[in-house]
Amino acid sequence: STPSSTPSTVCHDPDTCRTLLQDQIYVASARVGTANQTLNDPNSAQHKAIQWILEECDATVPIDPCTTSQILLNEQRYALAVMYFSLRGGSWKRGSNPSLDKGASEGTWLSSLNYCEWSDSGSICDAFGNVFEITLDSNSMIGTIPLEIGVFDKLRYITIRGNEITGTISEEFYSNLSLEAVYLYDNSLSGTISDKIGDLSNLKILEIDHNQLSGTIPSLISDCLNLEVLELQSNELSGSIPSTIGNLEKLRRIDLGSNQINGTIPEEVYSILGLQFFYLYDIFLSGTISKKVGNLSELAVLNVEGPSNQLSGTIPTTFGNCVNLEELILKGNELSGPIPNTISNLDKLTLINLAQNQITGTIPEEFYSNRGLRDVYVWNNFLSGTISAKVRDLSELVVFDTEYNQLSGTI
């Protein structure tokens, strides 16, 4: 008979309850790829979670292993328990339940309460009892993200940043097709970003920076058409920036800095017209900055600082079209030619760093019309001519560093 047809009086029998519940857990575990030997290993998080949830068959109000809708919720209760044991829940700052006290209060994991009440940051469930949010940032979590993360097919937000999580981002992680925001940064994750990232068509925010991820950025990330924020900085990623990233029309922020990424800035990037923050510092870029940079009229920050970058060519005059630009950081490349006078169009510019390049010519008179400039770094170039008296018009100026050039005249 199916679970929904089992008489309730039979279901409330503890032995029958345990048998049915264990069978359900084995089916769910097989679905996410957990091997039977793991389930039977007394030291595994899965085995500990099974023993914990089977005890609920003996509760005053026992767990229901028979009603079809409840079976799905039982799976999620079990998966949360696996997560607790896998990430050393007994040592967490928030939600910890070292003695596995069933009578623990709201905000404590593994109590007898509905798991929707385990979170200390509000409900983690939707109206049907499905887990849609897991928020456990900076919570002294140590260990790996279990395969059972794949049980939460309604999960929309996961925030477990600032912990000591190791291991890889499993293939099962990408089966959470409802995911909209992923914050896994500032951990010790390794391995690669799977091509299955492209399955997450609802994803808006992906922040997995400050880890130890390697491999290349999958070209299939272009299928994440709703992506607005992509932060992969401070990993060990290599290869080139995929040209398919240009398909992500909703992107507002890209940070790929401090990786082993090489190659050129693909032309397709300049078609992301809503891009506001673009960070490519401390990687291994070559080639030029395209004149198409002028298409990025919403751009507020561009940072392609070296020392490992080796961008060459001139600074495009089309930067003058980036009228929302506030910070322009091109330091430590091999850029040559003059400072374009179109920079005078950038009324919002507060910081410009062109230091350690091969820039020639004079500091154009138009440069001094950027009245909001606060920090100017043009040191270690080949600038000549004089510093205009108009420098006094820069009333917000804090730093004006022009050393190691060929400037002449009086101050």
Protein backbone atom coordinates (compact mmCIF):
# COMPACT_ATOMS: atom_id res chain seq x y z
CA SER A 1 0.00 0.00 0.00
CA THR A 2 1.07 3.63 -0.49
CA PRO A 3 1.99 5.77 2.52
CA SER A 4 -1.22 7.81 2.21
CA SER A 5 -3.38 4.67 2.50
CA THR A 6 -1.78 3.31 5.66
CA PRO A 7 -4.30 3.43 8.54
CA SER A 8 -3.41 6.17 11.05
CA THR A 9 -3.71 3.74 13.98
CA VAL A 10 -0.97 1.63 12.40
CA CYS A 11 1.16 4.71 11.68
CA HIS A 12 1.10 5.70 15.32
CA ASP A 13 2.57 2.38 16.31
CA PRO A 14 6.20 3.25 17.13
CA ASP A 15 7.68 0.20 15.37
CA THR A 16 5.67 0.80 12.21
CA CYS A 17 6.50 4.51 12.36
CA ARG A 18 10.22 3.79 12.56
CA THR A 19 10.12 1.31 9.69
CA LEU A 20 8.20 3.65 7.39
CA LEU A 21 10.26 6.68 8.36
CA GLN A 22 13.56 4.90 7.83
CA ASP A 23 12.42 3.66 4.41
CA GLN A 24 11.50 7.20 3.44
CA ILE A 25 14.86 8.53 4.55
CA TYR A 26 16.69 5.89 2.53
CA VAL A 27 14.70 6.84 -0.57
CA ALA A 28 15.41 10.55 -0.08
CA SER A 29 19.09 9.84 0.56
CA ALA A 30 19.39 7.77 -2.60
CA ARG A 31 17.82 10.63 -4.54
CA VAL A 32 20.58 13.03 -3.51
CA GLY A 33 23.35 10.45 -3.89
CA THR A 34 24.13 9.50 -0.28
CA ALA A 35 25.41 5.92 -0.21
CA ASN A 36 23.85 3.30 2.09
CA GLN A 37 27.23 2.70 3.71
CA THR A 38 27.22 6.34 4.83
CA LEU A 39 23.75 5.94 6.34
CA ASN A 40 24.90 2.89 8.26
CA ASP A 41 28.15 4.43 9.52
CA PRO A 42 27.62 5.32 13.22
CA ASN A 43 30.07 8.22 12.87
CA SER A 44 28.33 9.84 9.91
CA ALA A 45 26.10 12.90 10.17
CA GLN A 46 23.44 10.98 8.28
CA HIS A 47 23.36 8.09 10.74
CA LYS A 48 23.17 10.48 13.69
CA ALA A 49 20.30 12.32 12.00
CA ILE A 50 18.43 9.06 11.38
CA GLN A 51 18.74 8.04 15.03
CA TRP A 52 17.58 11.47 16.13
CA ILE A 53 14.49 11.59 13.89
CA LEU A 54 13.46 7.98 14.63
CA GLU A 55 13.14 8.95 18.29
CA GLU A 56 10.23 11.15 17.27
CA CYS A 57 8.16 8.03 16.67
CA ASP A 58 8.03 7.72 20.47
CA ALA A 59 6.94 11.31 21.10
CA THR A 60 3.64 12.19 22.76
CA VAL A 61 2.59 13.55 19.37
CA PRO A 62 4.59 11.23 17.11
CA ILE A 63 5.95 12.17 13.72
CA ASP A 64 3.63 11.25 10.85
CA PRO A 65 5.27 8.94 8.28
CA CYS A 66 2.01 8.20 6.42
CA THR A 67 0.45 11.38 5.05
CA THR A 68 1.94 12.13 1.65
CA SER A 69 2.34 15.87 2.24
CA GLN A 70 3.98 15.22 5.60
CA ILE A 71 6.52 12.84 4.09
CA LEU A 72 8.10 15.74 2.15
CA LEU A 73 8.35 17.77 5.34
CA ASN A 74 9.88 14.80 7.19
CA GLU A 75 12.59 14.66 4.53
CA GLN A 76 13.39 18.32 5.11
CA ARG A 77 13.44 17.83 8.88
CA TYR A 78 15.89 14.99 8.39
CA ALA A 79 18.03 17.03 5.94
CA LEU A 80 18.29 19.89 8.44
CA ALA A 81 19.41 17.41 11.09
CA VAL A 82 22.09 16.10 8.73
CA MET A 83 23.25 19.66 8.17
CA TYR A 84 23.41 20.22 11.93
CA PHE A 85 25.59 17.15 12.54
CA SER A 86 27.70 17.67 9.40
CA LEU A 87 28.60 21.23 10.42
CA ARG A 88 29.19 20.52 14.15
CA GLY A 89 25.97 22.11 15.34
CA GLY A 90 26.87 21.48 18.97
CA SER A 91 29.48 24.26 18.71
CA TRP A 92 27.41 26.85 16.85
CA LYS A 93 27.04 30.35 18.25
CA ARG A 94 23.33 30.38 17.40
CA GLY A 95 20.87 27.50 17.28
CA SER A 96 23.18 25.04 19.06
CA ASN A 97 21.61 22.16 20.99
CA PRO A 98 24.56 20.15 22.40
CA SER A 99 22.39 17.88 24.55
CA LEU A 100 19.79 17.39 21.78
CA ASP A 101 17.13 18.60 24.17
CA LYS A 102 13.74 17.98 22.56
CA GLY A 103 12.22 20.53 24.89
CA ALA A 104 14.55 23.32 23.84
CA SER A 105 13.06 26.73 23.12
CA GLU A 106 12.33 28.42 19.82
CA GLY A 107 15.51 29.33 17.92
CA THR A 108 17.23 26.06 18.90
CA TRP A 109 17.86 23.37 16.30
CA LEU A 110 16.77 19.75 16.79
CA SER A 111 14.07 20.58 19.33
CA SER A 112 10.67 18.91 19.12
CA LEU A 113 9.24 22.14 17.70
CA ASN A 114 8.38 22.48 14.03
CA TYR A 115 11.68 23.08 12.25
CA CYS A 116 10.26 26.38 10.96
CA GLU A 117 10.77 27.63 14.53
CA TRP A 118 14.41 26.58 14.79
CA SER A 119 15.73 29.74 13.22
CA ASP A 120 16.62 32.71 15.42
CA SER A 121 16.28 35.08 12.49
CA GLY A 122 12.60 34.52 11.74
CA SER A 123 10.74 31.85 9.83
CA ILE A 124 12.73 29.81 7.35
CA CYS A 125 9.64 28.24 5.78
CA ASP A 126 6.98 29.12 3.28
CA ALA A 127 3.26 28.81 4.00
CA PHE A 128 3.39 25.08 3.24
CA GLY A 129 6.25 24.30 5.61
CA ASN A 130 8.95 24.05 2.94
CA VAL A 131 12.38 25.41 3.83
CA PHE A 132 12.98 28.50 1.70
CA GLU A 133 15.76 30.20 3.67
CA ILE A 134 18.80 29.06 5.64
CA THR A 135 20.69 31.87 7.37
CA LEU A 136 23.61 30.86 9.58
CA ASP A 137 26.36 33.34 8.80
CA SER A 138 29.35 33.77 11.14
CA ASN A 139 28.12 30.86 13.24
CA SER A 140 31.29 28.83 13.96
CA MET A 141 30.24 26.17 11.46
CA ILE A 142 32.97 23.64 10.70
CA GLY A 143 32.70 20.81 8.19
CA THR A 144 31.18 20.18 4.78
CA ILE A 145 27.84 21.00 3.19
CA PRO A 146 26.09 17.60 3.00
CA LEU A 147 24.51 16.17 -0.15
CA GLU A 148 21.17 16.44 1.63
CA ILE A 149 21.18 20.15 0.75
CA GLY A 150 19.56 18.88 -2.45
CA VAL A 151 16.40 17.92 -0.53
CA PHE A 152 15.32 21.56 -0.24
CA ASP A 153 13.73 22.02 -3.64
CA LYS A 154 11.98 25.23 -2.53
CA LEU A 155 15.14 26.83 -1.09
CA ARG A 156 15.50 30.41 -2.28
CA TYR A 157 18.14 31.94 0.01
CA ILE A 158 21.15 30.37 1.66
CA THR A 159 23.53 32.44 3.77
CA ILE A 160 26.33 30.55 5.52
CA ARG A 161 29.13 33.05 4.99
CA GLY A 162 31.96 33.67 7.42
CA ASN A 163 32.37 30.12 8.69
CA GLU A 164 34.97 27.36 8.33
CA ILE A 165 33.16 25.26 5.77
CA THR A 166 35.41 23.01 3.70
CA GLY A 167 34.92 20.54 0.87
CA THR A 168 33.30 21.23 -2.46
CA ILE A 169 30.04 22.69 -3.67
CA SER A 170 28.39 19.39 -4.57
CA GLU A 171 26.45 18.73 -7.76
CA GLU A 172 23.37 18.29 -5.58
CA PHE A 173 23.63 21.91 -4.49
CA TYR A 174 22.69 22.97 -8.01
CA SER A 175 19.48 20.91 -7.90
CA ASN A 176 17.92 23.65 -5.74
CA LEU A 177 16.34 25.24 -8.80
CA SER A 178 14.44 27.85 -6.77
CA LEU A 179 17.65 29.47 -5.49
CA GLU A 180 17.72 33.24 -5.82
CA ALA A 181 20.59 34.23 -3.51
CA VAL A 182 23.68 32.26 -2.48
CA TYR A 183 26.10 33.68 0.09
CA LEU A 184 28.93 31.21 0.75
CA TYR A 185 31.79 33.68 0.89
CA ASP A 186 34.57 33.75 3.45
CA ASN A 187 34.84 29.99 3.97
CA SER A 188 37.38 27.38 2.80
CA LEU A 189 35.47 25.79 -0.07
CA SER A 190 37.54 24.07 -2.74
CA GLY A 191 36.89 22.30 -6.03
CA THR A 192 35.28 23.87 -9.07
CA ILE A 193 32.09 25.69 -10.03
CA SER A 194 29.99 23.10 -11.85
CA ASP A 195 28.50 23.62 -15.30
CA LYS A 196 25.20 22.95 -13.52
CA ILE A 197 25.33 26.55 -12.29
CA GLY A 198 23.44 27.28 -15.49
CA ASP A 199 20.46 25.33 -14.15
CA LEU A 200 19.85 28.05 -11.56
CA SER A 201 17.76 30.26 -13.82
CA ASN A 202 16.22 32.13 -10.86
CA LEU A 203 19.58 33.05 -9.34
CA LYS A 204 20.03 36.79 -8.69
CA ILE A 205 23.00 36.89 -6.31
CA LEU A 206 26.02 34.57 -6.27
CA GLU A 207 28.68 35.46 -3.69
CA ILE A 208 31.20 32.66 -3.27
CA ASP A 209 34.27 34.85 -2.94
CA HIS A 210 37.14 34.42 -0.46
CA ASN A 211 37.34 30.66 -0.77
CA GLN A 212 39.76 28.29 -2.51
CA LEU A 213 37.73 27.50 -5.61
CA SER A 214 39.70 26.56 -8.71
CA GLY A 215 39.05 25.75 -12.36
CA THR A 216 37.43 28.08 -14.83
CA ILE A 217 34.29 30.21 -14.76
CA PRO A 218 31.73 28.01 -16.57
CA SER A 219 30.47 29.47 -19.82
CA LEU A 220 27.03 28.12 -18.90
CA ILE A 221 26.76 30.76 -16.22
CA SER A 222 25.24 32.73 -19.08
CA ASP A 223 22.03 30.74 -18.51
CA CYS A 224 21.55 32.51 -15.17
CA LEU A 225 19.66 35.25 -16.96
CA ASN A 226 18.39 36.87 -13.75
CA LEU A 227 21.85 37.24 -12.22
CA GLU A 228 22.48 40.71 -10.80
CA VAL A 229 25.53 40.19 -8.54
CA LEU A 230 28.49 37.91 -9.33
CA GLU A 231 31.27 37.89 -6.73
CA LEU A 232 34.03 35.34 -7.25
CA GLN A 233 37.02 37.35 -6.00
CA SER A 234 39.85 35.94 -3.89
CA ASN A 235 39.73 32.36 -5.12
CA GLU A 236 42.08 30.36 -7.34
CA LEU A 237 40.04 30.54 -10.53
CA SER A 238 41.92 30.41 -13.83
CA GLY A 239 41.26 30.59 -17.54
CA SER A 240 39.61 33.47 -19.32
CA ILE A 241 36.49 35.49 -18.65
CA PRO A 242 33.80 33.70 -20.69
CA SER A 243 32.39 35.85 -23.48
CA THR A 244 28.95 34.41 -22.70
CA ILE A 245 28.87 36.63 -19.61
CA GLY A 246 27.66 39.31 -21.98
CA ASN A 247 24.26 37.54 -22.02
CA LEU A 248 23.67 38.53 -18.39
CA GLU A 249 21.85 41.76 -19.11
CA LYS A 250 20.71 42.24 -15.50
CA LEU A 251 24.21 42.19 -13.99
CA ARG A 252 24.93 45.20 -11.80
CA ARG A 253 28.09 44.01 -10.06
CA ILE A 254 30.99 41.78 -11.17
CA ASP A 255 34.02 41.10 -9.00
CA LEU A 256 36.57 38.61 -10.32
CA GLY A 257 39.60 40.15 -8.60
CA SER A 258 42.51 38.30 -6.97
CA ASN A 259 42.33 35.14 -9.06
CA GLN A 260 44.51 33.51 -11.71
CA ILE A 261 42.22 34.62 -14.54
CA ASN A 262 43.96 35.62 -17.76
CA GLY A 263 43.23 36.70 -21.31
CA THR A 264 41.43 39.83 -22.41
CA ILE A 265 38.30 41.66 -21.32
CA PRO A 266 35.77 40.20 -23.76
CA GLU A 267 33.98 42.72 -25.95
CA GLU A 268 30.65 41.19 -24.93
CA VAL A 269 31.05 42.53 -21.37
CA TYR A 270 30.53 46.05 -22.68
CA SER A 271 26.98 45.12 -23.72
CA ILE A 272 25.89 44.76 -20.06
CA LEU A 273 24.45 48.24 -20.06
CA GLY A 274 23.26 48.23 -16.44
CA LEU A 275 26.67 47.32 -15.03
CA GLN A 276 27.58 49.59 -12.11
CA PHE A 277 30.55 47.94 -10.36
CA PHE A 278 33.26 46.14 -12.33
CA TYR A 279 36.28 44.74 -10.47
CA LEU A 280 39.08 42.94 -12.33
CA TYR A 281 42.01 43.86 -10.08
CA ASP A 282 45.04 41.65 -9.40
CA ILE A 283 44.44 39.06 -12.12
CA PHE A 284 46.40 38.50 -15.35
CA LEU A 285 44.62 40.51 -18.02
CA SER A 286 46.22 41.57 -21.28
CA GLY A 287 44.95 43.38 -24.35
CA THR A 288 43.25 46.75 -24.35
CA ILE A 289 40.28 48.55 -22.84
CA SER A 290 37.75 48.70 -25.65
CA LYS A 291 36.25 52.00 -26.75
CA LYS A 292 32.94 50.24 -26.09
CA VAL A 293 33.51 51.01 -22.41
CA GLY A 294 31.60 54.17 -23.21
CA ASN A 295 28.44 52.06 -23.54
CA LEU A 296 28.50 51.53 -19.76
CA SER A 297 26.76 54.77 -18.83
CA GLU A 298 25.67 53.36 -15.43
CA LEU A 299 29.20 52.39 -14.41
CA ALA A 300 30.17 53.78 -11.00
CA VAL A 301 33.43 51.88 -10.31
CA LEU A 302 35.97 50.32 -12.67
CA ASN A 303 38.99 48.71 -11.03
CA VAL A 304 41.52 46.87 -13.21
CA GLU A 305 44.53 47.53 -10.98
CA GLY A 306 47.69 45.43 -11.32
CA PRO A 307 50.40 44.57 -10.58
CA SER A 308 49.64 41.34 -12.42
CA ASN A 309 47.39 42.92 -15.06
CA GLN A 310 49.15 44.08 -18.22
CA LEU A 311 46.55 46.07 -20.09
CA SER A 312 48.03 48.14 -22.89
CA GLY A 313 46.93 50.68 -25.45
CA THR A 314 45.45 54.06 -24.68
CA ILE A 315 42.77 55.17 -22.27
CA PRO A 316 39.66 55.40 -24.47
CA THR A 317 38.20 58.86 -24.95
CA THR A 318 34.77 57.19 -24.69
CA PHE A 319 35.24 57.05 -20.91
CA GLY A 320 33.67 60.48 -21.16
CA ASN A 321 30.31 58.77 -21.74
CA CYS A 322 30.50 56.97 -18.36
CA VAL A 323 28.82 59.92 -16.70
CA ASN A 324 28.08 58.05 -13.46
CA LEU A 325 31.70 57.03 -12.89
CA GLU A 326 32.91 57.72 -9.34
CA GLU A 327 36.12 55.66 -9.17
CA LEU A 328 38.46 54.86 -12.05
CA ILE A 329 41.40 52.66 -11.06
CA LEU A 330 43.79 51.67 -13.85
CA LYS A 331 46.98 51.58 -11.77
CA GLY A 332 49.84 49.18 -12.52
CA ASN A 333 49.22 48.35 -16.17
CA GLU A 334 51.03 49.23 -19.40
CA LEU A 335 48.67 51.91 -20.63
CA SER A 336 50.17 54.60 -22.83
CA GLY A 337 49.14 57.77 -24.61
CA PRO A 338 47.59 60.85 -23.05
CA ILE A 339 44.97 61.37 -20.37
CA PRO A 340 41.82 61.99 -22.47
CA ASN A 341 40.35 65.46 -22.04
CA THR A 342 36.86 63.91 -22.16
CA ILE A 343 37.42 62.98 -18.53
CA SER A 344 35.99 66.43 -17.79
CA ASN A 345 32.52 64.97 -18.47
CA LEU A 346 32.76 62.82 -15.34
CA ASP A 347 31.14 65.15 -12.83
CA LYS A 348 30.75 62.41 -10.22
CA LEU A 349 34.39 61.31 -10.28
CA THR A 350 35.98 61.32 -6.81
CA LEU A 351 38.96 58.99 -7.31
CA ILE A 352 41.22 58.46 -10.29
CA ASN A 353 44.30 56.26 -10.13
CA LEU A 354 46.43 56.06 -13.27
CA ALA A 355 49.73 55.45 -11.46
CA GLN A 356 52.46 53.10 -12.68
CA ASN A 357 51.64 53.15 -16.38
CA GLN A 358 53.33 54.67 -19.42
CA ILE A 359 51.06 57.65 -19.84
CA THR A 360 52.51 60.62 -21.72
CA GLY A 361 51.54 64.18 -22.53
CA THR A 362 50.28 66.79 -20.12
CA ILE A 363 47.60 66.85 -17.44
CA PRO A 364 44.83 68.39 -19.56
CA GLU A 365 43.22 71.63 -18.43
CA GLU A 366 39.84 69.87 -18.56
CA PHE A 367 41.04 67.54 -15.81
CA TYR A 368 40.70 70.32 -13.26
CA SER A 369 36.98 70.81 -13.99
CA ASN A 370 36.15 67.63 -12.02
CA ARG A 371 35.33 69.61 -8.87
CA GLY A 372 34.43 66.54 -6.82
CA LEU A 373 37.86 64.92 -7.16
CA ARG A 374 39.20 63.81 -3.80
CA ASP A 375 42.07 61.45 -4.66
CA VAL A 376 44.31 61.75 -7.72
CA TYR A 377 47.17 59.34 -8.35
CA VAL A 378 49.18 59.77 -11.56
CA TRP A 379 52.64 59.00 -10.18
CA ASN A 380 55.28 56.98 -12.03
CA ASN A 381 54.29 57.84 -15.59
CA PHE A 382 55.84 60.03 -18.30
CA LEU A 383 53.75 63.15 -17.83
CA SER A 384 55.28 66.47 -18.83
CA GLY A 385 54.26 70.11 -18.79
CA THR A 386 53.07 71.98 -15.72
CA ILE A 387 50.49 71.67 -12.97
CA SER A 388 47.82 74.21 -13.83
CA ALA A 389 46.85 76.92 -11.38
CA LYS A 390 43.34 75.52 -11.77
CA VAL A 391 44.30 72.81 -9.29
CA ARG A 392 43.14 75.24 -6.61
CA ASP A 393 39.59 74.79 -7.97
CA LEU A 394 39.59 71.21 -6.69
CA SER A 395 38.20 72.12 -3.28
CA GLU A 396 37.54 68.50 -2.26
CA LEU A 397 41.08 67.36 -3.07
CA VAL A 398 42.85 65.31 -0.39
CA VAL A 399 45.59 63.53 -2.38
CA PHE A 400 47.29 64.79 -5.55
CA ASP A 401 50.23 62.45 -6.18
CA THR A 402 52.26 63.29 -9.29
CA GLU A 403 55.75 62.12 -8.28
CA TYR A 404 58.11 60.29 -10.65
CA ASN A 405 57.05 62.10 -13.81
CA GLN A 406 58.65 64.84 -15.93
CA LEU A 407 56.51 67.71 -14.76
CA SER A 408 58.08 71.16 -14.63
CA GLY A 409 57.19 74.72 -13.63
CA THR A 410 56.15 76.01 -10.23
CA ILE A 411 53.71 74.64 -7.70
